[in-house]
Structure formats: C-alpha cells, structure tokens
Amino acid sequence: MPSYKLTYFNGRGRAELTRLIFAAAGAQFEDERVADWPGTAKADAPLGQLPYLTVDGVKVPQSLAFARLVARRFNMTGSDDLEQAKTDAVVDTVSDLQNAYYLKVFKAKEDRDAVVAQFLAEDAVSHLEKVEKIVTLYGTEGYSVGSSLSWSDLHLFDVTSTVMTLNANLLEKYPRIQAVRKTVESNEKVSAYLKSRPETPF
C-alpha cells in the first residue's frame, strides 16, 4: 500500500484540496503541519516552499500536480480522457478565483477593507460567473463534471468556502455552484472530515 505524507503549515490553504481528496477516498495519510519555518523545513522542501506531498519517499511539489496524482489514484479525475480534460478545465477555472484571492486579499496589508470590497465587487463576480458557466456546461445537478464526485467538486467547495468568509451570501446568484457544494457537504466521508478538521487561521 502506498504511503503518503502531506507537508504544509497549520492551515487549509493550498493543501486542503488534497486533504479533501484523501477524506473522500477514505484513504490514510500523514498530515504533517510545520511550525518551524523556514528552519530545516524549508531546506527539506523540494522547491523551498510548501505544500508538498511525499509519496513512497518521493517528494512531489506543486499543489495541483500532487492533488491530481492523488485524485487519479482514487478515480476522481473522470471516466475517460475527455472527462478528465473537462475536470481539469473546471479545476483551472476555480484556481483562477483562488489565485485572485491570494494575490489581492490574502496578501493585503494596508486598506484591507477597500481591497476586499473591490475583490468582491469585481474579481469574485467575474470568476464566479465563469465557474458557474463551466459547471453548467460540463456537469449535472450537483456535480461539476459528469455525475459522480470528482476532485473538481472538492476544489470548487474548498475555494468557495474560503471566499465566502468575506461574504456569506456571495453565492446567491450561482445555483449550480451551490448545488455542487451541497453534494460535497452531504458526502458522508467528507462531512465527517469537515466536522473533525482543526480550526486554523487560514
């Protein structure tokens, strides 16, 4: 049986998608949360940054690369190559929203209220409209692609959860996104994980 160790800070951030995939699959992994940074942890990281996933002793950086690996191993990337491409497209579209959030909101130090207001009025709307559109194009009710749980559903859930901390009513105009979130939340294994995961600052 393969061994997995996920190394990240004590937060959800860019590691949470992989944690959700493991949870949905009911798979075991070591959740290493680094407190001493940079320290020796930075030197141990393949690219000097977190997160990374160690698979059978091999360190794999880049959060989407190893999330895709894990999702593929647990049959959450699509039933054929075309569905896999659709799933990747949804993941990339959701990642555009995530990257905008990190670039503008997460890193904001001054005038944060103004930055958040602008993000919600412009960036969030633009990206959520695209996510809603691609989910409508490729998915069925409650799924972002096809008719079974995929890593794109989990990514959508995770990223929108983060953005909704800025405005709990942010998704009112996006019924397909809401439906996917409901599917993820109602998954027994994911639900159990969400209830048990630690409260963290990000």
C-alpha atoms as a PDB file:
ATOM      1  CA  MET A   1       0.000   0.000   0.000  1.00  0.00           C
ATOM      2  CA  PRO A   2       1.430   3.422  -0.946  1.00  0.00           C
ATOM      3  CA  SER A   3       2.440   5.804   1.830  1.00  0.00           C
ATOM      4  CA  TYR A   4       1.548   9.490   1.733  1.00  0.00           C
ATOM      5  CA  LYS A   5       2.764  12.411   3.828  1.00  0.00           C
ATOM      6  CA  LEU A   6       1.382  15.888   3.177  1.00  0.00           C
ATOM      7  CA  THR A   7       3.614  18.680   4.462  1.00  0.00           C
ATOM      8  CA  TYR A   8       2.204  22.181   4.951  1.00  0.00           C
ATOM      9  CA  PHE A   9       1.670  24.914   7.511  1.00  0.00           C
ATOM     10  CA  ASN A  10      -1.069  24.569  10.114  1.00  0.00           C
ATOM     11  CA  GLY A  11      -3.724  25.845   7.751  1.00  0.00           C
ATOM     12  CA  ARG A  12      -6.007  24.796   4.917  1.00  0.00           C
ATOM     13  CA  GLY A  13      -4.590  26.909   2.095  1.00  0.00           C
ATOM     14  CA  ARG A  14      -3.229  25.097  -0.928  1.00  0.00           C
ATOM     15  CA  ALA A  15      -3.030  21.753   0.884  1.00  0.00           C
ATOM     16  CA  GLU A  16      -6.713  21.420   1.720  1.00  0.00           C
ATOM     17  CA  LEU A  17      -7.781  20.117  -1.683  1.00  0.00           C
ATOM     18  CA  THR A  18      -5.523  17.093  -1.262  1.00  0.00           C
ATOM     19  CA  ARG A  19      -6.778  16.551   2.288  1.00  0.00           C
ATOM     20  CA  LEU A  20     -10.344  16.567   0.939  1.00  0.00           C
ATOM     21  CA  ILE A  21      -9.447  14.027  -1.745  1.00  0.00           C
ATOM     22  CA  PHE A  22      -7.951  11.717   0.855  1.00  0.00           C
ATOM     23  CA  ALA A  23     -11.039  12.208   3.022  1.00  0.00           C
ATOM     24  CA  ALA A  24     -13.468  11.453   0.186  1.00  0.00           C
ATOM     25  CA  ALA A  25     -11.467   8.337  -0.700  1.00  0.00           C
ATOM     26  CA  GLY A  26     -11.290   7.182   2.911  1.00  0.00           C
ATOM     27  CA  ALA A  27      -7.518   6.933   2.487  1.00  0.00           C
ATOM     28  CA  GLN A  28      -4.846   7.189   5.155  1.00  0.00           C
ATOM     29  CA  PHE A  29      -2.097   9.807   5.002  1.00  0.00           C
ATOM     30  CA  GLU A  30       0.238  11.614   7.375  1.00  0.00           C
ATOM     31  CA  ASP A  31      -0.801  15.240   7.826  1.00  0.00           C
ATOM     32  CA  GLU A  32       2.465  16.961   8.741  1.00  0.00           C
ATOM     33  CA  ARG A  33       1.920  20.555   9.883  1.00  0.00           C
ATOM     34  CA  VAL A  34       5.085  22.638  10.026  1.00  0.00           C
ATOM     35  CA  ALA A  35       5.508  25.107  12.880  1.00  0.00           C
ATOM     36  CA  ASP A  36       9.192  25.964  12.451  1.00  0.00           C
ATOM     37  CA  TRP A  37       9.578  27.934   9.213  1.00  0.00           C
ATOM     38  CA  PRO A  38      11.850  28.425   7.474  1.00  0.00           C
ATOM     39  CA  GLY A  39      14.140  26.389   9.717  1.00  0.00           C
ATOM     40  CA  THR A  40      15.109  22.976   8.408  1.00  0.00           C
ATOM     41  CA  ALA A  41      11.662  22.526   6.829  1.00  0.00           C
ATOM     42  CA  LYS A  42      12.479  24.974   4.027  1.00  0.00           C
ATOM     43  CA  ALA A  43      15.679  23.130   3.189  1.00  0.00           C
ATOM     44  CA  ASP A  44      13.769  19.836   3.143  1.00  0.00           C
ATOM     45  CA  ALA A  45      11.139  21.128   0.698  1.00  0.00           C
ATOM     46  CA  PRO A  46      11.895  20.258  -2.955  1.00  0.00           C
ATOM     47  CA  LEU A  47      11.400  23.848  -4.157  1.00  0.00           C
ATOM     48  CA  GLY A  48      11.884  25.547  -0.810  1.00  0.00           C
ATOM     49  CA  GLN A  49       8.145  26.095  -0.425  1.00  0.00           C
ATOM     50  CA  LEU A  50       5.051  24.426   0.971  1.00  0.00           C
ATOM     51  CA  PRO A  51       2.996  22.348   0.445  1.00  0.00           C
ATOM     52  CA  TYR A  52       4.492  19.189  -0.969  1.00  0.00           C
ATOM     53  CA  LEU A  53       3.442  15.553  -0.894  1.00  0.00           C
ATOM     54  CA  THR A  54       5.813  12.683  -0.164  1.00  0.00           C
ATOM     55  CA  VAL A  55       4.717   9.516  -1.984  1.00  0.00           C
ATOM     56  CA  ASP A  56       6.627   6.379  -1.053  1.00  0.00           C
ATOM     57  CA  GLY A  57       9.605   8.548  -0.145  1.00  0.00           C
ATOM     58  CA  VAL A  58       9.444  10.727  -3.278  1.00  0.00           C
ATOM     59  CA  LYS A  59       8.715  14.423  -2.657  1.00  0.00           C
ATOM     60  CA  VAL A  60       6.313  15.999  -5.150  1.00  0.00           C
ATOM     61  CA  PRO A  61       5.875  19.810  -5.106  1.00  0.00           C
ATOM     62  CA  GLN A  62       3.155  21.976  -6.681  1.00  0.00           C
ATOM     63  CA  SER A  63      -0.222  21.551  -5.030  1.00  0.00           C
ATOM     64  CA  LEU A  64      -2.309  20.899  -8.148  1.00  0.00           C
ATOM     65  CA  ALA A  65       0.202  18.384  -9.509  1.00  0.00           C
ATOM     66  CA  PHE A  66       0.072  16.162  -6.453  1.00  0.00           C
ATOM     67  CA  ALA A  67      -3.663  16.721  -5.912  1.00  0.00           C
ATOM     68  CA  ARG A  68      -4.224  15.470  -9.462  1.00  0.00           C
ATOM     69  CA  LEU A  69      -1.995  12.463  -8.777  1.00  0.00           C
ATOM     70  CA  VAL A  70      -3.967  11.515  -5.672  1.00  0.00           C
ATOM     71  CA  ALA A  71      -7.300  12.136  -7.396  1.00  0.00           C
ATOM     72  CA  ARG A  72      -6.245   9.936 -10.300  1.00  0.00           C
ATOM     73  CA  ARG A  73      -5.225   7.137  -7.959  1.00  0.00           C
ATOM     74  CA  PHE A  74      -8.634   7.250  -6.274  1.00  0.00           C
ATOM     75  CA  ASN A  75     -10.643   7.536  -9.514  1.00  0.00           C
ATOM     76  CA  MET A  76     -11.747  11.147  -9.088  1.00  0.00           C
ATOM     77  CA  THR A  77     -10.431  12.652 -12.323  1.00  0.00           C
ATOM     78  CA  GLY A  78     -13.063  11.498 -14.822  1.00  0.00           C
ATOM     79  CA  SER A  79     -14.123   8.307 -16.550  1.00  0.00           C
ATOM     80  CA  ASP A  80     -12.127   8.864 -19.774  1.00  0.00           C
ATOM     81  CA  ASP A  81      -9.596  11.294 -21.208  1.00  0.00           C
ATOM     82  CA  LEU A  82     -12.237  13.791 -22.381  1.00  0.00           C
ATOM     83  CA  GLU A  83     -13.920  13.856 -18.988  1.00  0.00           C
ATOM     84  CA  GLN A  84     -10.502  14.234 -17.393  1.00  0.00           C
ATOM     85  CA  ALA A  85      -9.884  17.278 -19.594  1.00  0.00           C
ATOM     86  CA  LYS A  86     -13.229  18.753 -18.554  1.00  0.00           C
ATOM     87  CA  THR A  87     -12.397  18.149 -14.908  1.00  0.00           C
ATOM     88  CA  ASP A  88      -9.007  19.818 -15.343  1.00  0.00           C
ATOM     89  CA  ALA A  89     -10.707  22.779 -17.019  1.00  0.00           C
ATOM     90  CA  VAL A  90     -13.032  23.222 -14.040  1.00  0.00           C
ATOM     91  CA  VAL A  91     -10.101  22.936 -11.639  1.00  0.00           C
ATOM     92  CA  ASP A  92      -8.169  25.570 -13.583  1.00  0.00           C
ATOM     93  CA  THR A  93     -11.173  27.908 -13.677  1.00  0.00           C
ATOM     94  CA  VAL A  94     -11.663  27.585  -9.925  1.00  0.00           C
ATOM     95  CA  SER A  95      -7.915  28.095  -9.438  1.00  0.00           C
ATOM     96  CA  ASP A  96      -8.180  31.456 -11.212  1.00  0.00           C
ATOM     97  CA  LEU A  97     -10.556  32.555  -8.438  1.00  0.00           C
ATOM     98  CA  GLN A  98      -8.254  31.119  -5.784  1.00  0.00           C
ATOM     99  CA  ASN A  99      -5.191  32.864  -7.204  1.00  0.00           C
ATOM    100  CA  ALA A 100      -7.005  36.202  -7.382  1.00  0.00           C
ATOM    101  CA  TYR A 101      -7.992  35.814  -3.735  1.00  0.00           C
ATOM    102  CA  TYR A 102      -4.427  35.048  -2.635  1.00  0.00           C
ATOM    103  CA  LEU A 103      -2.913  37.801  -4.757  1.00  0.00           C
ATOM    104  CA  LYS A 104      -5.283  40.567  -3.679  1.00  0.00           C
ATOM    105  CA  VAL A 105      -6.931  39.668  -0.378  1.00  0.00           C
ATOM    106  CA  PHE A 106      -4.698  37.226   1.465  1.00  0.00           C
ATOM    107  CA  LYS A 107      -1.583  39.335   0.947  1.00  0.00           C
ATOM    108  CA  ALA A 108      -3.283  42.685   1.608  1.00  0.00           C
ATOM    109  CA  LYS A 109      -1.683  44.566   4.494  1.00  0.00           C
ATOM    110  CA  GLU A 110      -2.966  48.109   4.072  1.00  0.00           C
ATOM    111  CA  ASP A 111      -6.517  49.288   3.324  1.00  0.00           C
ATOM    112  CA  ARG A 112      -7.706  45.686   3.595  1.00  0.00           C
ATOM    113  CA  ASP A 113     -11.383  46.673   3.753  1.00  0.00           C
ATOM    114  CA  ALA A 114     -11.082  48.533   0.461  1.00  0.00           C
ATOM    115  CA  VAL A 115      -9.187  45.651  -1.128  1.00  0.00           C
ATOM    116  CA  VAL A 116     -11.843  43.169  -0.011  1.00  0.00           C
ATOM    117  CA  ALA A 117     -14.654  45.388  -1.277  1.00  0.00           C
ATOM    118  CA  GLN A 118     -13.018  45.706  -4.678  1.00  0.00           C
ATOM    119  CA  PHE A 119     -12.305  41.982  -4.846  1.00  0.00           C
ATOM    120  CA  LEU A 120     -15.920  41.092  -4.055  1.00  0.00           C
ATOM    121  CA  ALA A 121     -17.326  43.616  -6.497  1.00  0.00           C
ATOM    122  CA  GLU A 122     -15.024  42.785  -9.398  1.00  0.00           C
ATOM    123  CA  ASP A 123     -12.764  39.741  -9.221  1.00  0.00           C
ATOM    124  CA  ALA A 124     -15.121  37.431  -7.331  1.00  0.00           C
ATOM    125  CA  VAL A 125     -18.039  38.213  -9.626  1.00  0.00           C
ATOM    126  CA  SER A 126     -16.003  37.737 -12.794  1.00  0.00           C
ATOM    127  CA  HIS A 127     -14.508  34.423 -11.695  1.00  0.00           C
ATOM    128  CA  LEU A 128     -17.682  33.007 -10.129  1.00  0.00           C
ATOM    129  CA  GLU A 129     -19.594  33.712 -13.337  1.00  0.00           C
ATOM    130  CA  LYS A 130     -17.007  31.660 -15.226  1.00  0.00           C
ATOM    131  CA  VAL A 131     -17.160  28.833 -12.701  1.00  0.00           C
ATOM    132  CA  GLU A 132     -20.964  28.784 -12.873  1.00  0.00           C
ATOM    133  CA  LYS A 133     -20.799  28.734 -16.667  1.00  0.00           C
ATOM    134  CA  ILE A 134     -18.341  25.849 -16.959  1.00  0.00           C
ATOM    135  CA  VAL A 135     -20.133  23.796 -14.306  1.00  0.00           C
ATOM    136  CA  THR A 136     -23.377  24.301 -16.203  1.00  0.00           C
ATOM    137  CA  LEU A 137     -21.653  23.280 -19.425  1.00  0.00           C
ATOM    138  CA  TYR A 138     -19.970  20.101 -18.179  1.00  0.00           C
ATOM    139  CA  GLY A 139     -21.851  18.960 -15.106  1.00  0.00           C
ATOM    140  CA  THR A 140     -25.158  17.598 -13.975  1.00  0.00           C
ATOM    141  CA  GLU A 141     -27.173  18.744 -10.988  1.00  0.00           C
ATOM    142  CA  GLY A 142     -24.830  18.652  -8.016  1.00  0.00           C
ATOM    143  CA  TYR A 143     -21.651  17.760  -9.910  1.00  0.00           C
ATOM    144  CA  SER A 144     -19.195  19.992 -11.746  1.00  0.00           C
ATOM    145  CA  VAL A 145     -18.391  17.301 -14.341  1.00  0.00           C
ATOM    146  CA  GLY A 146     -20.404  14.199 -15.168  1.00  0.00           C
ATOM    147  CA  SER A 147     -22.495  12.542 -12.472  1.00  0.00           C
ATOM    148  CA  SER A 148     -20.048  11.400  -9.791  1.00  0.00           C
ATOM    149  CA  LEU A 149     -17.803  13.075  -7.238  1.00  0.00           C
ATOM    150  CA  SER A 150     -14.553  14.378  -8.684  1.00  0.00           C
ATOM    151  CA  TRP A 151     -11.652  16.447  -7.465  1.00  0.00           C
ATOM    152  CA  SER A 152     -13.082  19.454  -9.292  1.00  0.00           C
ATOM    153  CA  ASP A 153     -16.119  19.314  -6.977  1.00  0.00           C
ATOM    154  CA  LEU A 154     -13.819  19.292  -3.954  1.00  0.00           C
ATOM    155  CA  HIS A 155     -11.718  22.162  -5.306  1.00  0.00           C
ATOM    156  CA  LEU A 156     -14.826  24.215  -6.007  1.00  0.00           C
ATOM    157  CA  PHE A 157     -16.076  23.545  -2.477  1.00  0.00           C
ATOM    158  CA  ASP A 158     -12.776  24.441  -0.836  1.00  0.00           C
ATOM    159  CA  VAL A 159     -12.111  27.657  -2.736  1.00  0.00           C
ATOM    160  CA  THR A 160     -15.653  28.986  -2.496  1.00  0.00           C
ATOM    161  CA  SER A 161     -15.630  28.222   1.240  1.00  0.00           C
ATOM    162  CA  THR A 162     -12.588  30.451   1.576  1.00  0.00           C
ATOM    163  CA  VAL A 163     -14.079  33.277  -0.449  1.00  0.00           C
ATOM    164  CA  MET A 164     -17.376  33.042   1.416  1.00  0.00           C
ATOM    165  CA  THR A 165     -15.600  34.043   4.616  1.00  0.00           C
ATOM    166  CA  LEU A 166     -15.622  37.522   3.090  1.00  0.00           C
ATOM    167  CA  ASN A 167     -19.368  37.429   2.340  1.00  0.00           C
ATOM    168  CA  ALA A 168     -21.583  34.537   3.420  1.00  0.00           C
ATOM    169  CA  ASN A 169     -24.166  35.413   0.749  1.00  0.00           C
ATOM    170  CA  LEU A 170     -21.693  35.538  -2.104  1.00  0.00           C
ATOM    171  CA  LEU A 171     -23.135  32.558  -3.994  1.00  0.00           C
ATOM    172  CA  GLU A 172     -26.795  33.590  -4.057  1.00  0.00           C
ATOM    173  CA  LYS A 173     -26.724  34.134  -7.830  1.00  0.00           C
ATOM    174  CA  TYR A 174     -24.914  30.879  -8.626  1.00  0.00           C
ATOM    175  CA  PRO A 175     -27.284  27.904  -8.190  1.00  0.00           C
ATOM    176  CA  ARG A 176     -25.054  25.338  -9.907  1.00  0.00           C
ATOM    177  CA  ILE A 177     -22.125  26.202  -7.653  1.00  0.00           C
ATOM    178  CA  GLN A 178     -24.424  25.928  -4.648  1.00  0.00           C
ATOM    179  CA  ALA A 179     -25.621  22.513  -5.830  1.00  0.00           C
ATOM    180  CA  VAL A 180     -22.053  21.215  -6.104  1.00  0.00           C
ATOM    181  CA  ARG A 181     -21.287  22.488  -2.621  1.00  0.00           C
ATOM    182  CA  LYS A 182     -24.356  20.691  -1.283  1.00  0.00           C
ATOM    183  CA  THR A 183     -23.200  17.428  -2.883  1.00  0.00           C
ATOM    184  CA  VAL A 184     -19.775  17.718  -1.301  1.00  0.00           C
ATOM    185  CA  GLU A 185     -21.148  18.638   2.116  1.00  0.00           C
ATOM    186  CA  SER A 186     -23.565  15.691   2.041  1.00  0.00           C
ATOM    187  CA  ASN A 187     -20.835  13.161   1.247  1.00  0.00           C
ATOM    188  CA  GLU A 188     -20.551  11.059   4.393  1.00  0.00           C
ATOM    189  CA  LYS A 189     -16.759  10.812   4.457  1.00  0.00           C
ATOM    190  CA  VAL A 190     -16.180  14.460   3.568  1.00  0.00           C
ATOM    191  CA  SER A 191     -18.779  15.586   6.094  1.00  0.00           C
ATOM    192  CA  ALA A 192     -17.033  13.623   8.841  1.00  0.00           C
ATOM    193  CA  TYR A 193     -13.704  15.199   7.887  1.00  0.00           C
ATOM    194  CA  LEU A 194     -15.136  18.726   7.858  1.00  0.00           C
ATOM    195  CA  LYS A 195     -16.519  18.233  11.350  1.00  0.00           C
ATOM    196  CA  SER A 196     -13.225  16.918  12.712  1.00  0.00           C
ATOM    197  CA  ARG A 197     -10.643  19.121  10.980  1.00  0.00           C
ATOM    198  CA  PRO A 198      -8.875  21.661  13.201  1.00  0.00           C
ATOM    199  CA  GLU A 199      -9.805  25.324  13.235  1.00  0.00           C
ATOM    200  CA  THR A 200      -6.932  27.223  11.664  1.00  0.00           C
ATOM    201  CA  PRO A 201      -6.217  30.888  10.817  1.00  0.00           C
ATOM    202  CA  PHE A 202      -6.387  30.265   7.060  1.00  0.00           C
END
